[in-house]
Amino acid sequence: MPRRSTLFPVTTTRARDAAAVLLRERWRQASLGTVWRRVADWSGPEVEELAAAVSSGACPVGAAEDLGRARGYDGVGIGEALDDLTCLFVAAGQVATPPAVVRAFCVAWSDAQADALAVGASTDPETGLPRQEYLAVRLEETYLTAARRGRSVTEEHCLVLVDVAAGDLPPLARAARSAVAGDALARVYGHGHPMATLGGGLFAVLDDRDGVEDRVHRTHHAVSALCAGLEAAVGVRVPPHVWSVPLPATHDEAVRLLGRHARQP
């Protein structure tokens, strides 16, 4: 009897996972075959979470909000994004998408679009990366999402700081140094990942704690390799300083943490 009670939750979990995978695949085939135009950009953790919520019968509103936000950040048009959402509920055998799901999805998509416009206005021209204010917004989203899911930001996320500065440089040399550092971060984390310049050759990335040591190592290697080609190597920290910093318990404290590290350009 104890053995059966031990195995039952495992079996149930596996069955739910299998149902989520099956629904996600039906959703994917329906969407890519009709409404979705960019095959490589369809998948993501938000897709997985929404498929799991719908397949298990859990409330899908929070997961739909996360997906709407992700689609908005990725620049997916609202028509294409909603058509894709419809494909999920058709694949699940439902007649219509629940209105609460549509509303949460659209509000989050609109908020992400507004944030993207704000980011475009506050992008650092030297690095091509957003400034500190953008990272503060993404941090706020991370804290809110974690609170809604009952998770701990401090246990799941951290900041990775990258310092390439080793002294003052004239404007053109400083711009070259900043540009290669921004390129290195984009190579490791991908474009659109939450990151920002904190000024003066210092950069910050919002990262997951799981596997962060490997990404710190790869960032160190990428920055070193690209900065090695600069003529103004005297203005680059050799080797660059790359390290992770734990996130505090609240968003306000995280913003103050960014402020303490920020430098004048």
C-alpha atoms as a PDB file:
ATOM      1  CA  MET A   1       0.000   0.000   0.000  1.00  0.00           C
ATOM      2  CA  PRO A   2       2.705   2.594   0.793  1.00  0.00           C
ATOM      3  CA  ARG A   3       4.349   1.761  -2.492  1.00  0.00           C
ATOM      4  CA  ARG A   4       1.145   2.459  -4.444  1.00  0.00           C
ATOM      5  CA  SER A   5       0.616   5.804  -2.678  1.00  0.00           C
ATOM      6  CA  THR A   6       4.199   6.787  -3.506  1.00  0.00           C
ATOM      7  CA  LEU A   7       3.896   5.973  -7.180  1.00  0.00           C
ATOM      8  CA  PHE A   8       0.463   7.479  -7.755  1.00  0.00           C
ATOM      9  CA  PRO A   9       1.554  11.151  -7.717  1.00  0.00           C
ATOM     10  CA  VAL A  10       4.455  10.353 -10.043  1.00  0.00           C
ATOM     11  CA  THR A  11       2.138   8.584 -12.479  1.00  0.00           C
ATOM     12  CA  THR A  12      -0.362  11.426 -12.326  1.00  0.00           C
ATOM     13  CA  THR A  13       2.351  14.029 -12.928  1.00  0.00           C
ATOM     14  CA  ARG A  14       3.672  12.116 -15.911  1.00  0.00           C
ATOM     15  CA  ALA A  15       0.193  11.821 -17.375  1.00  0.00           C
ATOM     16  CA  ARG A  16      -0.355  15.566 -16.991  1.00  0.00           C
ATOM     17  CA  ASP A  17       3.020  16.328 -18.562  1.00  0.00           C
ATOM     18  CA  ALA A  18       2.223  14.024 -21.481  1.00  0.00           C
ATOM     19  CA  ALA A  19      -1.159  15.710 -21.967  1.00  0.00           C
ATOM     20  CA  ALA A  20       0.504  19.141 -21.985  1.00  0.00           C
ATOM     21  CA  VAL A  21       3.080  18.029 -24.556  1.00  0.00           C
ATOM     22  CA  LEU A  22       0.369  16.531 -26.762  1.00  0.00           C
ATOM     23  CA  LEU A  23      -1.740  19.698 -26.618  1.00  0.00           C
ATOM     24  CA  ARG A  24       1.257  21.911 -27.283  1.00  0.00           C
ATOM     25  CA  GLU A  25       2.125  19.862 -30.368  1.00  0.00           C
ATOM     26  CA  ARG A  26      -1.450  20.032 -31.704  1.00  0.00           C
ATOM     27  CA  TRP A  27      -1.427  23.781 -31.034  1.00  0.00           C
ATOM     28  CA  ARG A  28       1.910  24.181 -32.800  1.00  0.00           C
ATOM     29  CA  GLN A  29       0.788  22.270 -35.883  1.00  0.00           C
ATOM     30  CA  ALA A  30      -2.469  24.193 -36.100  1.00  0.00           C
ATOM     31  CA  SER A  31      -0.781  27.562 -35.720  1.00  0.00           C
ATOM     32  CA  LEU A  32       2.199  27.006 -38.000  1.00  0.00           C
ATOM     33  CA  GLY A  33      -0.040  25.556 -40.643  1.00  0.00           C
ATOM     34  CA  THR A  34      -2.368  28.547 -40.787  1.00  0.00           C
ATOM     35  CA  VAL A  35      -1.544  31.797 -38.951  1.00  0.00           C
ATOM     36  CA  TRP A  36       2.028  31.841 -37.626  1.00  0.00           C
ATOM     37  CA  ARG A  37       4.690  33.171 -39.997  1.00  0.00           C
ATOM     38  CA  ARG A  38       7.981  32.744 -38.068  1.00  0.00           C
ATOM     39  CA  VAL A  39       8.500  29.086 -37.211  1.00  0.00           C
ATOM     40  CA  ALA A  40      11.637  29.589 -35.107  1.00  0.00           C
ATOM     41  CA  ASP A  41       9.964  32.203 -32.886  1.00  0.00           C
ATOM     42  CA  TRP A  42       6.896  30.241 -31.840  1.00  0.00           C
ATOM     43  CA  SER A  43       8.166  28.173 -28.909  1.00  0.00           C
ATOM     44  CA  GLY A  44       9.074  29.451 -25.460  1.00  0.00           C
ATOM     45  CA  PRO A  45       8.508  28.810 -21.756  1.00  0.00           C
ATOM     46  CA  GLU A  46       5.310  30.879 -21.837  1.00  0.00           C
ATOM     47  CA  VAL A  47       3.928  28.551 -24.528  1.00  0.00           C
ATOM     48  CA  GLU A  48       4.751  25.537 -22.357  1.00  0.00           C
ATOM     49  CA  GLU A  49       3.059  27.044 -19.302  1.00  0.00           C
ATOM     50  CA  LEU A  50      -0.133  27.982 -21.127  1.00  0.00           C
ATOM     51  CA  ALA A  51      -0.414  24.561 -22.754  1.00  0.00           C
ATOM     52  CA  ALA A  52       0.073  22.934 -19.341  1.00  0.00           C
ATOM     53  CA  ALA A  53      -2.593  25.144 -17.742  1.00  0.00           C
ATOM     54  CA  VAL A  54      -5.187  24.455 -20.441  1.00  0.00           C
ATOM     55  CA  SER A  55      -4.504  20.716 -20.619  1.00  0.00           C
ATOM     56  CA  SER A  56      -4.754  20.316 -16.832  1.00  0.00           C
ATOM     57  CA  GLY A  57      -7.895  22.398 -16.449  1.00  0.00           C
ATOM     58  CA  ALA A  58      -6.130  25.013 -14.306  1.00  0.00           C
ATOM     59  CA  CYS A  59      -6.952  28.708 -14.652  1.00  0.00           C
ATOM     60  CA  PRO A  60      -5.053  29.847 -17.775  1.00  0.00           C
ATOM     61  CA  VAL A  61      -5.385  33.617 -17.241  1.00  0.00           C
ATOM     62  CA  GLY A  62      -1.959  34.154 -15.635  1.00  0.00           C
ATOM     63  CA  ALA A  63      -0.177  32.032 -18.223  1.00  0.00           C
ATOM     64  CA  ALA A  64      -2.045  33.836 -21.035  1.00  0.00           C
ATOM     65  CA  GLU A  65      -0.880  37.149 -19.595  1.00  0.00           C
ATOM     66  CA  ASP A  66       2.727  35.950 -19.626  1.00  0.00           C
ATOM     67  CA  LEU A  67       2.424  34.783 -23.231  1.00  0.00           C
ATOM     68  CA  GLY A  68       0.800  38.044 -24.319  1.00  0.00           C
ATOM     69  CA  ARG A  69       3.653  39.975 -22.744  1.00  0.00           C
ATOM     70  CA  ALA A  70       6.243  37.760 -24.446  1.00  0.00           C
ATOM     71  CA  ARG A  71       4.553  38.127 -27.840  1.00  0.00           C
ATOM     72  CA  GLY A  72       4.449  41.899 -27.413  1.00  0.00           C
ATOM     73  CA  TYR A  73       8.143  42.085 -26.541  1.00  0.00           C
ATOM     74  CA  ASP A  74       8.980  39.901 -29.530  1.00  0.00           C
ATOM     75  CA  GLY A  75       7.181  42.301 -31.864  1.00  0.00           C
ATOM     76  CA  VAL A  76       4.424  39.896 -32.898  1.00  0.00           C
ATOM     77  CA  GLY A  77       1.381  41.748 -34.265  1.00  0.00           C
ATOM     78  CA  ILE A  78      -1.786  41.531 -32.188  1.00  0.00           C
ATOM     79  CA  GLY A  79      -3.723  39.875 -35.010  1.00  0.00           C
ATOM     80  CA  GLU A  80      -1.179  37.103 -35.487  1.00  0.00           C
ATOM     81  CA  ALA A  81      -0.807  36.688 -31.712  1.00  0.00           C
ATOM     82  CA  LEU A  82      -4.568  36.361 -31.138  1.00  0.00           C
ATOM     83  CA  ASP A  83      -4.982  33.967 -34.059  1.00  0.00           C
ATOM     84  CA  ASP A  84      -2.267  31.804 -32.528  1.00  0.00           C
ATOM     85  CA  LEU A  85      -4.037  31.920 -29.142  1.00  0.00           C
ATOM     86  CA  THR A  86      -7.268  30.825 -30.837  1.00  0.00           C
ATOM     87  CA  CYS A  87      -5.432  27.833 -32.308  1.00  0.00           C
ATOM     88  CA  LEU A  88      -4.629  26.633 -28.790  1.00  0.00           C
ATOM     89  CA  PHE A  89      -8.245  26.499 -27.675  1.00  0.00           C
ATOM     90  CA  VAL A  90      -9.353  24.952 -30.956  1.00  0.00           C
ATOM     91  CA  ALA A  91      -6.672  22.289 -30.444  1.00  0.00           C
ATOM     92  CA  ALA A  92      -8.026  21.777 -26.916  1.00  0.00           C
ATOM     93  CA  GLY A  93     -11.516  21.168 -28.302  1.00  0.00           C
ATOM     94  CA  GLN A  94     -13.056  24.358 -26.962  1.00  0.00           C
ATOM     95  CA  VAL A  95     -15.582  26.312 -28.994  1.00  0.00           C
ATOM     96  CA  ALA A  96     -14.167  29.737 -28.125  1.00  0.00           C
ATOM     97  CA  THR A  97     -11.287  31.353 -26.272  1.00  0.00           C
ATOM     98  CA  PRO A  98     -12.462  32.420 -22.784  1.00  0.00           C
ATOM     99  CA  PRO A  99     -12.986  36.209 -22.662  1.00  0.00           C
ATOM    100  CA  ALA A 100     -10.890  36.568 -19.478  1.00  0.00           C
ATOM    101  CA  VAL A 101      -7.988  34.886 -21.258  1.00  0.00           C
ATOM    102  CA  VAL A 102      -8.302  37.172 -24.275  1.00  0.00           C
ATOM    103  CA  ARG A 103      -8.440  40.254 -22.071  1.00  0.00           C
ATOM    104  CA  ALA A 104      -5.380  39.273 -20.006  1.00  0.00           C
ATOM    105  CA  PHE A 105      -3.472  38.391 -23.165  1.00  0.00           C
ATOM    106  CA  CYS A 106      -4.298  41.687 -24.904  1.00  0.00           C
ATOM    107  CA  VAL A 107      -3.576  43.892 -21.882  1.00  0.00           C
ATOM    108  CA  ALA A 108      -0.188  42.253 -21.384  1.00  0.00           C
ATOM    109  CA  TRP A 109       0.588  42.520 -25.111  1.00  0.00           C
ATOM    110  CA  SER A 110      -0.268  46.244 -25.058  1.00  0.00           C
ATOM    111  CA  ASP A 111       1.834  46.854 -21.946  1.00  0.00           C
ATOM    112  CA  ALA A 112       4.791  45.114 -23.562  1.00  0.00           C
ATOM    113  CA  GLN A 113       4.418  47.206 -26.700  1.00  0.00           C
ATOM    114  CA  ALA A 114       4.361  50.401 -24.617  1.00  0.00           C
ATOM    115  CA  ASP A 115       7.461  49.274 -22.744  1.00  0.00           C
ATOM    116  CA  ALA A 116       9.178  48.501 -26.039  1.00  0.00           C
ATOM    117  CA  LEU A 117       8.505  52.032 -27.265  1.00  0.00           C
ATOM    118  CA  ALA A 118       9.911  53.442 -24.034  1.00  0.00           C
ATOM    119  CA  VAL A 119      12.980  51.246 -24.385  1.00  0.00           C
ATOM    120  CA  GLY A 120      13.521  52.423 -27.937  1.00  0.00           C
ATOM    121  CA  ALA A 121      13.612  55.990 -26.650  1.00  0.00           C
ATOM    122  CA  SER A 122      16.092  55.093 -23.911  1.00  0.00           C
ATOM    123  CA  THR A 123      18.539  52.892 -25.807  1.00  0.00           C
ATOM    124  CA  ASP A 124      22.195  53.680 -25.314  1.00  0.00           C
ATOM    125  CA  PRO A 125      23.596  54.550 -28.785  1.00  0.00           C
ATOM    126  CA  GLU A 126      27.094  53.292 -27.967  1.00  0.00           C
ATOM    127  CA  THR A 127      26.111  49.755 -26.997  1.00  0.00           C
ATOM    128  CA  GLY A 128      22.743  49.276 -28.653  1.00  0.00           C
ATOM    129  CA  LEU A 129      21.557  48.109 -25.218  1.00  0.00           C
ATOM    130  CA  PRO A 130      18.809  49.655 -23.100  1.00  0.00           C
ATOM    131  CA  ARG A 131      19.628  51.896 -20.184  1.00  0.00           C
ATOM    132  CA  GLN A 132      19.088  51.179 -16.516  1.00  0.00           C
ATOM    133  CA  GLU A 133      15.392  52.202 -16.546  1.00  0.00           C
ATOM    134  CA  TYR A 134      14.504  49.365 -18.922  1.00  0.00           C
ATOM    135  CA  LEU A 135      16.105  46.733 -16.705  1.00  0.00           C
ATOM    136  CA  ALA A 136      14.186  48.138 -13.740  1.00  0.00           C
ATOM    137  CA  VAL A 137      10.930  47.531 -15.655  1.00  0.00           C
ATOM    138  CA  ARG A 138      11.898  43.957 -16.514  1.00  0.00           C
ATOM    139  CA  LEU A 139      12.857  43.359 -12.898  1.00  0.00           C
ATOM    140  CA  GLU A 140       9.442  44.564 -11.783  1.00  0.00           C
ATOM    141  CA  GLU A 141       7.775  42.072 -14.126  1.00  0.00           C
ATOM    142  CA  THR A 142       9.978  39.304 -12.756  1.00  0.00           C
ATOM    143  CA  TYR A 143       9.025  40.084  -9.161  1.00  0.00           C
ATOM    144  CA  LEU A 144       5.309  40.329  -9.992  1.00  0.00           C
ATOM    145  CA  THR A 145       5.336  37.054 -11.920  1.00  0.00           C
ATOM    146  CA  ALA A 146       7.164  35.275  -9.119  1.00  0.00           C
ATOM    147  CA  ALA A 147       4.701  36.594  -6.525  1.00  0.00           C
ATOM    148  CA  ARG A 148       1.725  35.427  -8.566  1.00  0.00           C
ATOM    149  CA  ARG A 149       3.228  31.950  -8.886  1.00  0.00           C
ATOM    150  CA  GLY A 150       4.307  31.727  -5.274  1.00  0.00           C
ATOM    151  CA  ARG A 151       7.994  31.515  -6.157  1.00  0.00           C
ATOM    152  CA  SER A 152      11.094  33.279  -4.861  1.00  0.00           C
ATOM    153  CA  VAL A 153      12.945  35.690  -7.135  1.00  0.00           C
ATOM    154  CA  THR A 154      16.034  35.439  -4.955  1.00  0.00           C
ATOM    155  CA  GLU A 155      16.146  31.661  -5.406  1.00  0.00           C
ATOM    156  CA  GLU A 156      15.509  31.646  -9.167  1.00  0.00           C
ATOM    157  CA  HIS A 157      17.190  34.803 -10.535  1.00  0.00           C
ATOM    158  CA  CYS A 158      20.300  36.918 -10.149  1.00  0.00           C
ATOM    159  CA  LEU A 159      22.143  39.773 -11.832  1.00  0.00           C
ATOM    160  CA  VAL A 160      25.277  39.214 -13.881  1.00  0.00           C
ATOM    161  CA  LEU A 161      27.551  42.247 -13.931  1.00  0.00           C
ATOM    162  CA  VAL A 162      30.187  42.792 -16.610  1.00  0.00           C
ATOM    163  CA  ASP A 163      32.897  45.421 -16.118  1.00  0.00           C
ATOM    164  CA  VAL A 164      35.165  46.140 -19.091  1.00  0.00           C
ATOM    165  CA  ALA A 165      36.453  49.587 -18.058  1.00  0.00           C
ATOM    166  CA  ALA A 166      40.064  50.238 -17.069  1.00  0.00           C
ATOM    167  CA  GLY A 167      40.285  54.004 -17.298  1.00  0.00           C
ATOM    168  CA  ASP A 168      39.027  57.048 -19.166  1.00  0.00           C
ATOM    169  CA  LEU A 169      38.848  56.961 -22.951  1.00  0.00           C
ATOM    170  CA  PRO A 170      38.093  59.517 -25.649  1.00  0.00           C
ATOM    171  CA  PRO A 171      34.517  59.289 -26.977  1.00  0.00           C
ATOM    172  CA  LEU A 172      35.255  57.207 -30.104  1.00  0.00           C
ATOM    173  CA  ALA A 173      37.367  54.647 -28.255  1.00  0.00           C
ATOM    174  CA  ARG A 174      34.781  54.434 -25.470  1.00  0.00           C
ATOM    175  CA  ALA A 175      32.043  53.847 -28.042  1.00  0.00           C
ATOM    176  CA  ALA A 176      34.062  51.039 -29.639  1.00  0.00           C
ATOM    177  CA  ARG A 177      34.630  49.411 -26.255  1.00  0.00           C
ATOM    178  CA  SER A 178      30.954  49.662 -25.364  1.00  0.00           C
ATOM    179  CA  ALA A 179      29.825  48.334 -28.739  1.00  0.00           C
ATOM    180  CA  VAL A 180      31.905  45.160 -28.533  1.00  0.00           C
ATOM    181  CA  ALA A 181      30.775  44.539 -24.952  1.00  0.00           C
ATOM    182  CA  GLY A 182      27.137  44.873 -26.025  1.00  0.00           C
ATOM    183  CA  ASP A 183      27.761  42.534 -28.957  1.00  0.00           C
ATOM    184  CA  ALA A 184      29.357  39.957 -26.654  1.00  0.00           C
ATOM    185  CA  LEU A 185      26.370  40.001 -24.309  1.00  0.00           C
ATOM    186  CA  ALA A 186      23.952  39.620 -27.220  1.00  0.00           C
ATOM    187  CA  ARG A 187      25.936  36.605 -28.448  1.00  0.00           C
ATOM    188  CA  VAL A 188      25.724  34.858 -25.097  1.00  0.00           C
ATOM    189  CA  TYR A 189      22.181  35.784 -24.064  1.00  0.00           C
ATOM    190  CA  GLY A 190      20.456  36.631 -27.328  1.00  0.00           C
ATOM    191  CA  HIS A 191      18.811  39.867 -28.431  1.00  0.00           C
ATOM    192  CA  GLY A 192      15.866  40.877 -26.272  1.00  0.00           C
ATOM    193  CA  HIS A 193      17.176  39.290 -23.077  1.00  0.00           C
ATOM    194  CA  PRO A 194      16.791  41.651 -20.081  1.00  0.00           C
ATOM    195  CA  MET A 195      20.093  43.536 -19.919  1.00  0.00           C
ATOM    196  CA  ALA A 196      21.269  47.139 -19.764  1.00  0.00           C
ATOM    197  CA  THR A 197      24.264  49.406 -19.634  1.00  0.00           C
ATOM    198  CA  LEU A 198      24.912  50.964 -16.234  1.00  0.00           C
ATOM    199  CA  GLY A 199      27.385  53.462 -17.708  1.00  0.00           C
ATOM    200  CA  GLY A 200      31.161  53.722 -17.668  1.00  0.00           C
ATOM    201  CA  GLY A 201      31.833  50.299 -19.169  1.00  0.00           C
ATOM    202  CA  LEU A 202      29.588  48.418 -16.735  1.00  0.00           C
ATOM    203  CA  PHE A 203      26.700  46.204 -17.850  1.00  0.00           C
ATOM    204  CA  ALA A 204      24.007  44.186 -16.070  1.00  0.00           C
ATOM    205  CA  VAL A 205      22.006  41.136 -17.161  1.00  0.00           C
ATOM    206  CA  LEU A 206      18.967  39.596 -15.469  1.00  0.00           C
ATOM    207  CA  ASP A 207      19.757  35.892 -15.452  1.00  0.00           C
ATOM    208  CA  ASP A 208      18.522  32.589 -14.037  1.00  0.00           C
ATOM    209  CA  ARG A 209      20.557  31.175 -11.190  1.00  0.00           C
ATOM    210  CA  ASP A 210      20.394  27.729 -12.768  1.00  0.00           C
ATOM    211  CA  GLY A 211      23.425  27.454 -15.051  1.00  0.00           C
ATOM    212  CA  VAL A 212      24.633  30.992 -14.368  1.00  0.00           C
ATOM    213  CA  GLU A 213      28.238  29.856 -13.790  1.00  0.00           C
ATOM    214  CA  ASP A 214      28.450  28.567 -17.351  1.00  0.00           C
ATOM    215  CA  ARG A 215      27.037  31.799 -18.791  1.00  0.00           C
ATOM    216  CA  VAL A 216      29.425  33.882 -16.673  1.00  0.00           C
ATOM    217  CA  HIS A 217      32.287  31.849 -18.127  1.00  0.00           C
ATOM    218  CA  ARG A 218      31.007  32.207 -21.710  1.00  0.00           C
ATOM    219  CA  THR A 219      30.442  35.946 -21.222  1.00  0.00           C
ATOM    220  CA  HIS A 220      33.978  36.334 -19.908  1.00  0.00           C
ATOM    221  CA  HIS A 221      35.349  34.503 -22.949  1.00  0.00           C
ATOM    222  CA  ALA A 222      33.200  36.414 -25.463  1.00  0.00           C
ATOM    223  CA  VAL A 223      34.044  39.837 -24.016  1.00  0.00           C
ATOM    224  CA  SER A 224      37.742  38.969 -23.830  1.00  0.00           C
ATOM    225  CA  ALA A 225      37.830  37.734 -27.422  1.00  0.00           C
ATOM    226  CA  LEU A 226      36.061  40.783 -28.863  1.00  0.00           C
ATOM    227  CA  CYS A 227      37.875  43.362 -26.752  1.00  0.00           C
ATOM    228  CA  ALA A 228      41.216  41.847 -27.775  1.00  0.00           C
ATOM    229  CA  GLY A 229      40.711  43.320 -31.241  1.00  0.00           C
ATOM    230  CA  LEU A 230      40.328  46.886 -30.039  1.00  0.00           C
ATOM    231  CA  GLU A 231      43.119  49.309 -30.776  1.00  0.00           C
ATOM    232  CA  ALA A 232      42.365  51.091 -27.506  1.00  0.00           C
ATOM    233  CA  ALA A 233      43.075  47.964 -25.493  1.00  0.00           C
ATOM    234  CA  VAL A 234      44.652  50.090 -22.775  1.00  0.00           C
ATOM    235  CA  GLY A 235      41.125  51.247 -21.874  1.00  0.00           C
ATOM    236  CA  VAL A 236      39.766  47.713 -21.487  1.00  0.00           C
ATOM    237  CA  ARG A 237      39.970  45.718 -18.291  1.00  0.00           C
ATOM    238  CA  VAL A 238      42.149  42.663 -18.994  1.00  0.00           C
ATOM    239  CA  PRO A 239      40.675  40.260 -18.183  1.00  0.00           C
ATOM    240  CA  PRO A 240      37.157  41.695 -17.928  1.00  0.00           C
ATOM    241  CA  HIS A 241      35.424  41.320 -14.583  1.00  0.00           C
ATOM    242  CA  VAL A 242      32.263  39.178 -14.855  1.00  0.00           C
ATOM    243  CA  TRP A 243      30.380  38.084 -11.741  1.00  0.00           C
ATOM    244  CA  SER A 244      26.895  37.298 -10.441  1.00  0.00           C
ATOM    245  CA  VAL A 245      25.057  39.207  -7.711  1.00  0.00           C
ATOM    246  CA  PRO A 246      22.079  37.837  -5.725  1.00  0.00           C
ATOM    247  CA  LEU A 247      18.817  39.710  -6.114  1.00  0.00           C
ATOM    248  CA  PRO A 248      17.233  41.190  -2.964  1.00  0.00           C
ATOM    249  CA  ALA A 249      13.783  40.309  -1.665  1.00  0.00           C
ATOM    250  CA  THR A 250      11.850  43.225  -3.244  1.00  0.00           C
ATOM    251  CA  HIS A 251      11.772  45.155  -6.492  1.00  0.00           C
ATOM    252  CA  ASP A 252      12.481  48.458  -4.748  1.00  0.00           C
ATOM    253  CA  GLU A 253      15.645  46.983  -3.263  1.00  0.00           C
ATOM    254  CA  ALA A 254      16.636  45.642  -6.694  1.00  0.00           C
ATOM    255  CA  VAL A 255      16.283  49.124  -8.215  1.00  0.00           C
ATOM    256  CA  ARG A 256      18.442  50.551  -5.446  1.00  0.00           C
ATOM    257  CA  LEU A 257      20.975  47.805  -6.154  1.00  0.00           C
ATOM    258  CA  LEU A 258      21.180  48.914  -9.790  1.00  0.00           C
ATOM    259  CA  GLY A 259      21.556  52.499  -8.662  1.00  0.00           C
ATOM    260  CA  ARG A 260      24.465  51.653  -6.370  1.00  0.00           C
ATOM    261  CA  HIS A 261      26.332  49.988  -9.221  1.00  0.00           C
ATOM    262  CA  ALA A 262      25.476  52.553 -11.914  1.00  0.00           C
ATOM    263  CA  ARG A 263      28.242  54.850 -13.161  1.00  0.00           C
ATOM    264  CA  GLN A 264      28.313  58.122 -14.989  1.00  0.00           C
ATOM    265  CA  PRO A 265      28.971  57.528 -18.701  1.00  0.00           C
END
